[in-house]
Amino acid sequence: MIGEYFQKRTIYLYKFLRTDVGLKTGQAKIIKKEKHFFSRIHVEDIANILFISLKKFKTNEIFNISDDQPASQEEVAVYGALLLKMNKPNPLKIEDLEEGMLKDFYKESKKVDNKKIKNFFNYQFIYPSYKEGLDNIVNDFI
């Protein structure tokens, strides 16, 4: 499953970052790992693709749904901090993480190719990357 984002989730994140345990105090951390990417998609694009797929589908096919730009957690967090006019989160090295699910998540990169879904459904993303999605959320809701 790729990471999805939408207004409500991002607004909660914004409120967290503005609190005493978030970016404001420098306690928020981002995991720094070179060449670690994760695919994301805005929930509005998910809904649009699902509606289109109800009219046009192909039996026994699997379609991966993600936007055009896999990105690192650091890249997304730094861009979000810039939009919110805050300092970027402090990096935390992968080696400093305790063993467990979070460290396991960073063992592999999670890039998803979306060419098949774009071609089959002739779909143009409303939010082709996290930048357009976060811009929309910040400009319209924060």
N, C-alpha and C. Protein backbone atom coordinates (compact mmCIF):
# COMPACT_ATOMS: atom_id res chain seq x y z
N MET A 1 0.85 -1.18 0.00
CA MET A 1 0.00 0.00 0.00
C MET A 1 0.89 1.23 0.00
N ILE A 2 0.58 2.14 -0.86
CA ILE A 2 1.31 3.40 -0.90
C ILE A 2 0.72 4.33 0.14
N GLY A 3 1.40 5.42 0.41
CA GLY A 3 0.90 6.38 1.39
C GLY A 3 -0.10 7.33 0.75
N GLU A 4 -1.24 7.47 1.37
CA GLU A 4 -2.22 8.41 0.85
C GLU A 4 -2.25 9.62 1.76
N TYR A 5 -2.61 10.75 1.21
CA TYR A 5 -2.71 11.95 2.02
C TYR A 5 -3.94 12.73 1.59
N PHE A 6 -4.44 13.53 2.51
CA PHE A 6 -5.64 14.30 2.25
C PHE A 6 -5.72 15.41 3.29
N GLN A 7 -6.68 16.32 3.09
CA GLN A 7 -6.75 17.53 3.89
C GLN A 7 -6.80 17.25 5.39
N LYS A 8 -7.71 16.41 5.85
CA LYS A 8 -7.90 16.21 7.28
C LYS A 8 -6.63 15.66 7.93
N ARG A 9 -6.01 14.65 7.31
CA ARG A 9 -4.79 14.08 7.86
C ARG A 9 -3.68 15.13 7.90
N THR A 10 -3.57 15.93 6.87
CA THR A 10 -2.51 16.93 6.81
C THR A 10 -2.76 18.05 7.80
N ILE A 11 -4.01 18.41 8.03
CA ILE A 11 -4.32 19.45 9.02
C ILE A 11 -3.95 18.96 10.42
N TYR A 12 -4.24 17.69 10.73
CA TYR A 12 -3.82 17.15 12.02
C TYR A 12 -2.30 17.19 12.15
N LEU A 13 -1.61 16.85 11.09
CA LEU A 13 -0.15 16.90 11.11
C LEU A 13 0.33 18.32 11.34
N TYR A 14 -0.30 19.27 10.66
CA TYR A 14 0.05 20.68 10.82
C TYR A 14 -0.12 21.10 12.28
N LYS A 15 -1.23 20.74 12.88
CA LYS A 15 -1.47 21.10 14.29
C LYS A 15 -0.41 20.48 15.19
N PHE A 16 -0.05 19.21 14.90
CA PHE A 16 0.99 18.54 15.68
C PHE A 16 2.32 19.29 15.55
N LEU A 17 2.67 19.64 14.33
CA LEU A 17 3.95 20.29 14.09
C LEU A 17 4.04 21.65 14.78
N ARG A 18 2.91 22.30 14.94
CA ARG A 18 2.88 23.61 15.59
C ARG A 18 2.86 23.52 17.13
N THR A 19 2.74 22.32 17.67
CA THR A 19 2.68 22.17 19.12
C THR A 19 4.08 22.10 19.70
N ASP A 20 4.14 21.97 21.01
CA ASP A 20 5.42 21.91 21.71
C ASP A 20 6.23 20.66 21.40
N VAL A 21 5.61 19.62 20.83
CA VAL A 21 6.36 18.41 20.51
C VAL A 21 6.67 18.31 19.03
N GLY A 22 6.36 19.31 18.26
CA GLY A 22 6.55 19.25 16.82
C GLY A 22 7.75 20.05 16.34
N LEU A 23 7.62 20.60 15.14
CA LEU A 23 8.71 21.37 14.54
C LEU A 23 9.06 22.60 15.35
N LYS A 24 8.07 23.17 15.98
CA LYS A 24 8.27 24.42 16.71
C LYS A 24 9.41 24.30 17.72
N THR A 25 9.53 23.17 18.37
CA THR A 25 10.56 22.98 19.39
C THR A 25 11.77 22.23 18.85
N GLY A 26 11.71 21.80 17.60
CA GLY A 26 12.82 21.05 17.04
C GLY A 26 12.82 19.59 17.44
N GLN A 27 11.74 19.11 18.05
CA GLN A 27 11.69 17.72 18.50
C GLN A 27 11.20 16.76 17.41
N ALA A 28 10.56 17.28 16.38
CA ALA A 28 10.11 16.42 15.28
C ALA A 28 11.36 15.92 14.56
N LYS A 29 11.34 14.67 14.15
CA LYS A 29 12.51 14.07 13.49
C LYS A 29 12.08 13.47 12.15
N ILE A 30 13.02 13.45 11.24
CA ILE A 30 12.82 12.73 9.99
C ILE A 30 13.93 11.69 9.87
N ILE A 31 13.58 10.57 9.32
CA ILE A 31 14.56 9.51 9.13
C ILE A 31 15.36 9.84 7.88
N LYS A 32 16.67 9.89 8.02
CA LYS A 32 17.54 10.20 6.89
C LYS A 32 18.15 8.90 6.38
N LYS A 33 17.77 8.53 5.17
CA LYS A 33 18.37 7.36 4.55
C LYS A 33 18.49 7.65 3.06
N GLU A 34 19.69 7.56 2.57
CA GLU A 34 19.95 7.85 1.16
C GLU A 34 19.19 6.87 0.27
N LYS A 35 18.67 7.39 -0.82
CA LYS A 35 18.00 6.60 -1.86
C LYS A 35 16.83 5.77 -1.33
N HIS A 36 16.14 6.28 -0.33
CA HIS A 36 14.94 5.61 0.17
C HIS A 36 13.73 6.42 -0.28
N PHE A 37 12.93 5.81 -1.15
CA PHE A 37 11.78 6.50 -1.72
C PHE A 37 10.50 5.77 -1.36
N PHE A 38 9.41 6.53 -1.36
CA PHE A 38 8.11 5.98 -1.04
C PHE A 38 7.10 6.65 -1.96
N SER A 39 6.22 5.87 -2.53
CA SER A 39 5.18 6.43 -3.41
C SER A 39 3.98 6.87 -2.58
N ARG A 40 3.36 7.93 -3.03
CA ARG A 40 2.20 8.50 -2.35
C ARG A 40 1.13 8.83 -3.37
N ILE A 41 -0.05 9.18 -2.88
CA ILE A 41 -1.11 9.64 -3.77
C ILE A 41 -2.13 10.43 -2.94
N HIS A 42 -2.67 11.45 -3.53
CA HIS A 42 -3.72 12.24 -2.88
C HIS A 42 -5.02 11.46 -2.96
N VAL A 43 -5.80 11.50 -1.91
CA VAL A 43 -7.04 10.72 -1.84
C VAL A 43 -8.03 11.13 -2.95
N GLU A 44 -7.98 12.36 -3.40
CA GLU A 44 -8.86 12.80 -4.48
C GLU A 44 -8.54 12.06 -5.78
N ASP A 45 -7.26 11.84 -6.04
CA ASP A 45 -6.86 11.06 -7.22
C ASP A 45 -7.28 9.60 -7.07
N ILE A 46 -7.17 9.05 -5.86
CA ILE A 46 -7.63 7.68 -5.63
C ILE A 46 -9.11 7.56 -5.98
N ALA A 47 -9.92 8.48 -5.46
CA ALA A 47 -11.37 8.44 -5.69
C ALA A 47 -11.68 8.56 -7.18
N ASN A 48 -11.02 9.47 -7.87
CA ASN A 48 -11.26 9.64 -9.31
C ASN A 48 -10.94 8.38 -10.09
N ILE A 49 -9.81 7.77 -9.78
CA ILE A 49 -9.41 6.54 -10.49
C ILE A 49 -10.40 5.42 -10.20
N LEU A 50 -10.84 5.30 -8.96
CA LEU A 50 -11.82 4.26 -8.63
C LEU A 50 -13.13 4.47 -9.38
N PHE A 51 -13.60 5.70 -9.48
CA PHE A 51 -14.83 5.96 -10.23
C PHE A 51 -14.66 5.62 -11.71
N ILE A 52 -13.54 5.99 -12.29
CA ILE A 52 -13.27 5.66 -13.69
C ILE A 52 -13.22 4.14 -13.87
N SER A 53 -12.62 3.46 -12.90
CA SER A 53 -12.46 2.00 -13.02
C SER A 53 -13.80 1.27 -12.96
N LEU A 54 -14.82 1.89 -12.41
CA LEU A 54 -16.15 1.26 -12.38
C LEU A 54 -16.75 1.17 -13.78
N LYS A 55 -16.37 2.11 -14.64
CA LYS A 55 -16.88 2.13 -16.02
C LYS A 55 -15.99 1.34 -16.96
N LYS A 56 -14.70 1.39 -16.68
CA LYS A 56 -13.73 0.73 -17.57
C LYS A 56 -12.79 -0.10 -16.71
N PHE A 57 -12.92 -1.38 -16.80
CA PHE A 57 -12.04 -2.24 -16.02
C PHE A 57 -11.64 -3.45 -16.84
N LYS A 58 -10.64 -4.12 -16.34
CA LYS A 58 -10.11 -5.29 -17.01
C LYS A 58 -10.06 -6.42 -15.98
N THR A 59 -10.74 -7.50 -16.26
CA THR A 59 -10.80 -8.63 -15.34
C THR A 59 -9.41 -9.21 -15.08
N ASN A 60 -9.17 -9.57 -13.83
CA ASN A 60 -7.92 -10.20 -13.40
C ASN A 60 -6.68 -9.34 -13.59
N GLU A 61 -6.84 -8.04 -13.59
CA GLU A 61 -5.70 -7.13 -13.70
C GLU A 61 -5.48 -6.45 -12.36
N ILE A 62 -4.23 -6.15 -12.07
CA ILE A 62 -3.87 -5.40 -10.88
C ILE A 62 -3.30 -4.07 -11.33
N PHE A 63 -3.80 -3.00 -10.74
CA PHE A 63 -3.33 -1.66 -11.05
C PHE A 63 -2.75 -1.03 -9.79
N ASN A 64 -1.52 -0.58 -9.88
CA ASN A 64 -0.90 0.14 -8.77
C ASN A 64 -1.25 1.62 -8.92
N ILE A 65 -1.76 2.19 -7.85
CA ILE A 65 -2.18 3.59 -7.88
C ILE A 65 -1.19 4.41 -7.07
N SER A 66 -0.48 5.30 -7.73
CA SER A 66 0.43 6.22 -7.04
C SER A 66 0.64 7.44 -7.94
N ASP A 67 1.12 8.52 -7.35
CA ASP A 67 1.36 9.71 -8.16
C ASP A 67 2.65 9.54 -8.97
N ASP A 68 3.08 10.59 -9.63
CA ASP A 68 4.21 10.52 -10.56
C ASP A 68 5.58 10.61 -9.91
N GLN A 69 5.64 10.98 -8.63
CA GLN A 69 6.94 11.28 -8.05
C GLN A 69 7.18 10.61 -6.70
N PRO A 70 7.75 9.41 -6.70
CA PRO A 70 8.17 8.84 -5.43
C PRO A 70 9.19 9.79 -4.79
N ALA A 71 9.13 9.92 -3.47
CA ALA A 71 10.02 10.87 -2.80
C ALA A 71 10.42 10.32 -1.43
N SER A 72 11.51 10.83 -0.93
CA SER A 72 11.96 10.44 0.40
C SER A 72 11.12 11.16 1.46
N GLN A 73 11.12 10.60 2.65
CA GLN A 73 10.43 11.25 3.76
C GLN A 73 11.04 12.62 4.00
N GLU A 74 12.34 12.70 3.89
CA GLU A 74 13.04 13.97 4.12
C GLU A 74 12.58 15.02 3.11
N GLU A 75 12.51 14.65 1.85
CA GLU A 75 12.10 15.58 0.79
C GLU A 75 10.70 16.15 1.08
N VAL A 76 9.77 15.29 1.45
CA VAL A 76 8.40 15.72 1.72
C VAL A 76 8.34 16.58 2.97
N ALA A 77 9.05 16.18 4.02
CA ALA A 77 9.04 16.94 5.27
C ALA A 77 9.67 18.32 5.11
N VAL A 78 10.75 18.39 4.37
CA VAL A 78 11.41 19.67 4.14
C VAL A 78 10.49 20.60 3.34
N TYR A 79 9.84 20.06 2.32
CA TYR A 79 8.91 20.87 1.53
C TYR A 79 7.73 21.34 2.39
N GLY A 80 7.19 20.44 3.22
CA GLY A 80 6.10 20.82 4.12
C GLY A 80 6.52 21.91 5.09
N ALA A 81 7.71 21.79 5.66
CA ALA A 81 8.21 22.81 6.58
C ALA A 81 8.37 24.15 5.87
N LEU A 82 8.84 24.13 4.64
CA LEU A 82 8.99 25.35 3.85
C LEU A 82 7.62 26.02 3.65
N LEU A 83 6.62 25.22 3.28
CA LEU A 83 5.27 25.77 3.09
C LEU A 83 4.71 26.37 4.37
N LEU A 84 5.03 25.75 5.50
CA LEU A 84 4.52 26.21 6.79
C LEU A 84 5.41 27.28 7.43
N LYS A 85 6.47 27.64 6.69
CA LYS A 85 7.41 28.65 7.16
C LYS A 85 8.02 28.26 8.51
N MET A 86 8.45 27.02 8.58
CA MET A 86 9.06 26.48 9.79
C MET A 86 10.42 25.90 9.45
N ASN A 87 11.23 25.68 10.47
CA ASN A 87 12.52 25.02 10.26
C ASN A 87 12.28 23.57 9.89
N LYS A 88 13.16 23.03 9.06
CA LYS A 88 13.00 21.62 8.70
C LYS A 88 13.28 20.74 9.91
N PRO A 89 12.65 19.57 9.94
CA PRO A 89 12.86 18.65 11.07
C PRO A 89 14.31 18.18 11.15
N ASN A 90 14.73 17.83 12.34
CA ASN A 90 16.08 17.30 12.54
C ASN A 90 16.18 15.90 11.97
N PRO A 91 17.28 15.60 11.28
CA PRO A 91 17.43 14.25 10.74
C PRO A 91 17.82 13.25 11.83
N LEU A 92 17.35 12.04 11.67
CA LEU A 92 17.69 10.92 12.54
C LEU A 92 18.23 9.82 11.64
N LYS A 93 19.42 9.34 11.93
CA LYS A 93 20.03 8.30 11.10
C LYS A 93 19.31 6.98 11.30
N ILE A 94 19.20 6.23 10.23
CA ILE A 94 18.54 4.92 10.26
C ILE A 94 19.20 4.01 11.29
N GLU A 95 20.50 4.13 11.46
CA GLU A 95 21.23 3.30 12.40
C GLU A 95 20.81 3.56 13.85
N ASP A 96 20.27 4.75 14.10
CA ASP A 96 19.88 5.13 15.46
C ASP A 96 18.48 4.66 15.85
N LEU A 97 17.76 4.08 14.90
CA LEU A 97 16.41 3.58 15.20
C LEU A 97 16.49 2.26 15.95
N GLU A 98 15.55 2.06 16.86
CA GLU A 98 15.45 0.78 17.55
C GLU A 98 14.93 -0.26 16.57
N GLU A 99 15.24 -1.52 16.82
CA GLU A 99 14.72 -2.60 15.97
C GLU A 99 13.19 -2.61 16.07
N GLY A 100 12.55 -2.92 14.97
CA GLY A 100 11.09 -2.99 14.98
C GLY A 100 10.51 -2.60 13.64
N MET A 101 9.21 -2.35 13.64
CA MET A 101 8.49 -2.08 12.39
C MET A 101 9.02 -0.85 11.66
N LEU A 102 9.31 0.21 12.41
CA LEU A 102 9.78 1.43 11.76
C LEU A 102 11.11 1.19 11.05
N LYS A 103 12.03 0.54 11.71
CA LYS A 103 13.33 0.25 11.09
C LYS A 103 13.15 -0.71 9.91
N ASP A 104 12.26 -1.68 10.05
CA ASP A 104 11.98 -2.62 8.95
C ASP A 104 11.44 -1.89 7.72
N PHE A 105 10.60 -0.89 7.95
CA PHE A 105 10.04 -0.12 6.84
C PHE A 105 11.13 0.49 5.97
N TYR A 106 12.21 0.90 6.58
CA TYR A 106 13.28 1.57 5.86
C TYR A 106 14.28 0.63 5.21
N LYS A 107 14.05 -0.67 5.29
CA LYS A 107 14.96 -1.63 4.67
C LYS A 107 14.86 -1.62 3.15
N GLU A 108 13.68 -1.28 2.62
CA GLU A 108 13.46 -1.29 1.18
C GLU A 108 12.87 0.04 0.72
N SER A 109 13.11 0.35 -0.52
CA SER A 109 12.49 1.51 -1.13
C SER A 109 11.14 1.08 -1.71
N LYS A 110 10.18 1.97 -1.74
CA LYS A 110 8.81 1.60 -2.14
C LYS A 110 8.35 2.43 -3.35
N LYS A 111 9.06 2.34 -4.44
CA LYS A 111 8.66 3.05 -5.65
C LYS A 111 7.61 2.25 -6.41
N VAL A 112 6.55 2.92 -6.83
CA VAL A 112 5.48 2.28 -7.59
C VAL A 112 5.41 2.96 -8.96
N ASP A 113 5.38 2.16 -10.01
CA ASP A 113 5.26 2.67 -11.38
C ASP A 113 3.77 2.83 -11.71
N ASN A 114 3.37 4.02 -12.12
CA ASN A 114 1.95 4.27 -12.40
C ASN A 114 1.62 4.37 -13.89
N LYS A 115 2.54 4.01 -14.76
CA LYS A 115 2.30 4.14 -16.20
C LYS A 115 1.10 3.33 -16.66
N LYS A 116 0.94 2.13 -16.14
CA LYS A 116 -0.15 1.26 -16.57
C LYS A 116 -1.51 1.90 -16.28
N ILE A 117 -1.67 2.46 -15.10
CA ILE A 117 -2.96 3.06 -14.74
C ILE A 117 -3.21 4.34 -15.54
N LYS A 118 -2.15 5.11 -15.76
CA LYS A 118 -2.31 6.34 -16.54
C LYS A 118 -2.68 6.02 -17.99
N ASN A 119 -2.04 5.01 -18.55
CA ASN A 119 -2.32 4.65 -19.94
C ASN A 119 -3.68 3.98 -20.11
N PHE A 120 -3.99 3.01 -19.28
CA PHE A 120 -5.25 2.26 -19.42
C PHE A 120 -6.47 3.15 -19.21
N PHE A 121 -6.42 3.97 -18.17
CA PHE A 121 -7.56 4.84 -17.86
C PHE A 121 -7.44 6.23 -18.47
N ASN A 122 -6.33 6.48 -19.17
CA ASN A 122 -6.07 7.80 -19.76
C ASN A 122 -6.25 8.88 -18.69
N TYR A 123 -5.61 8.66 -17.55
CA TYR A 123 -5.82 9.53 -16.39
C TYR A 123 -4.71 10.57 -16.24
N GLN A 124 -5.11 11.81 -16.03
CA GLN A 124 -4.19 12.90 -15.71
C GLN A 124 -4.38 13.24 -14.23
N PHE A 125 -3.35 13.13 -13.46
CA PHE A 125 -3.45 13.38 -12.03
C PHE A 125 -3.76 14.84 -11.72
N ILE A 126 -4.66 15.04 -10.77
CA ILE A 126 -4.93 16.38 -10.26
C ILE A 126 -3.72 16.84 -9.45
N TYR A 127 -3.14 15.90 -8.72
CA TYR A 127 -1.97 16.16 -7.89
C TYR A 127 -0.87 15.19 -8.31
N PRO A 128 -0.08 15.54 -9.35
CA PRO A 128 0.92 14.61 -9.88
C PRO A 128 2.07 14.31 -8.92
N SER A 129 2.23 15.13 -7.89
CA SER A 129 3.25 14.85 -6.89
C SER A 129 2.79 15.40 -5.54
N TYR A 130 3.55 15.07 -4.52
CA TYR A 130 3.24 15.57 -3.18
C TYR A 130 3.27 17.10 -3.14
N LYS A 131 4.04 17.74 -4.00
CA LYS A 131 4.13 19.20 -3.98
C LYS A 131 2.80 19.85 -4.31
N GLU A 132 2.16 19.42 -5.39
CA GLU A 132 0.85 19.99 -5.75
C GLU A 132 -0.19 19.68 -4.68
N GLY A 133 -0.13 18.47 -4.14
CA GLY A 133 -1.08 18.09 -3.10
C GLY A 133 -0.92 18.92 -1.84
N LEU A 134 0.32 19.06 -1.38
CA LEU A 134 0.56 19.86 -0.17
C LEU A 134 0.29 21.34 -0.41
N ASP A 135 0.63 21.83 -1.61
CA ASP A 135 0.31 23.23 -1.94
C ASP A 135 -1.19 23.47 -1.82
N ASN A 136 -1.98 22.56 -2.37
CA ASN A 136 -3.43 22.69 -2.32
C ASN A 136 -3.93 22.69 -0.89
N ILE A 137 -3.44 21.78 -0.10
CA ILE A 137 -3.89 21.68 1.29
C ILE A 137 -3.52 22.92 2.08
N VAL A 138 -2.31 23.39 1.94
CA VAL A 138 -1.87 24.58 2.68
C VAL A 138 -2.63 25.81 2.20
N ASN A 139 -2.76 25.99 0.90
CA ASN A 139 -3.42 27.17 0.36
C ASN A 139 -4.93 27.21 0.65
N ASP A 140 -5.57 26.06 0.66
CA ASP A 140 -7.02 26.03 0.80
C ASP A 140 -7.52 25.74 2.20
N PHE A 141 -6.69 25.15 3.06
CA PHE A 141 -7.23 24.68 4.33
C PHE A 141 -6.45 25.13 5.56
N ILE A 142 -5.25 25.65 5.39
CA ILE A 142 -4.47 26.02 6.59
C ILE A 142 -4.29 27.53 6.60
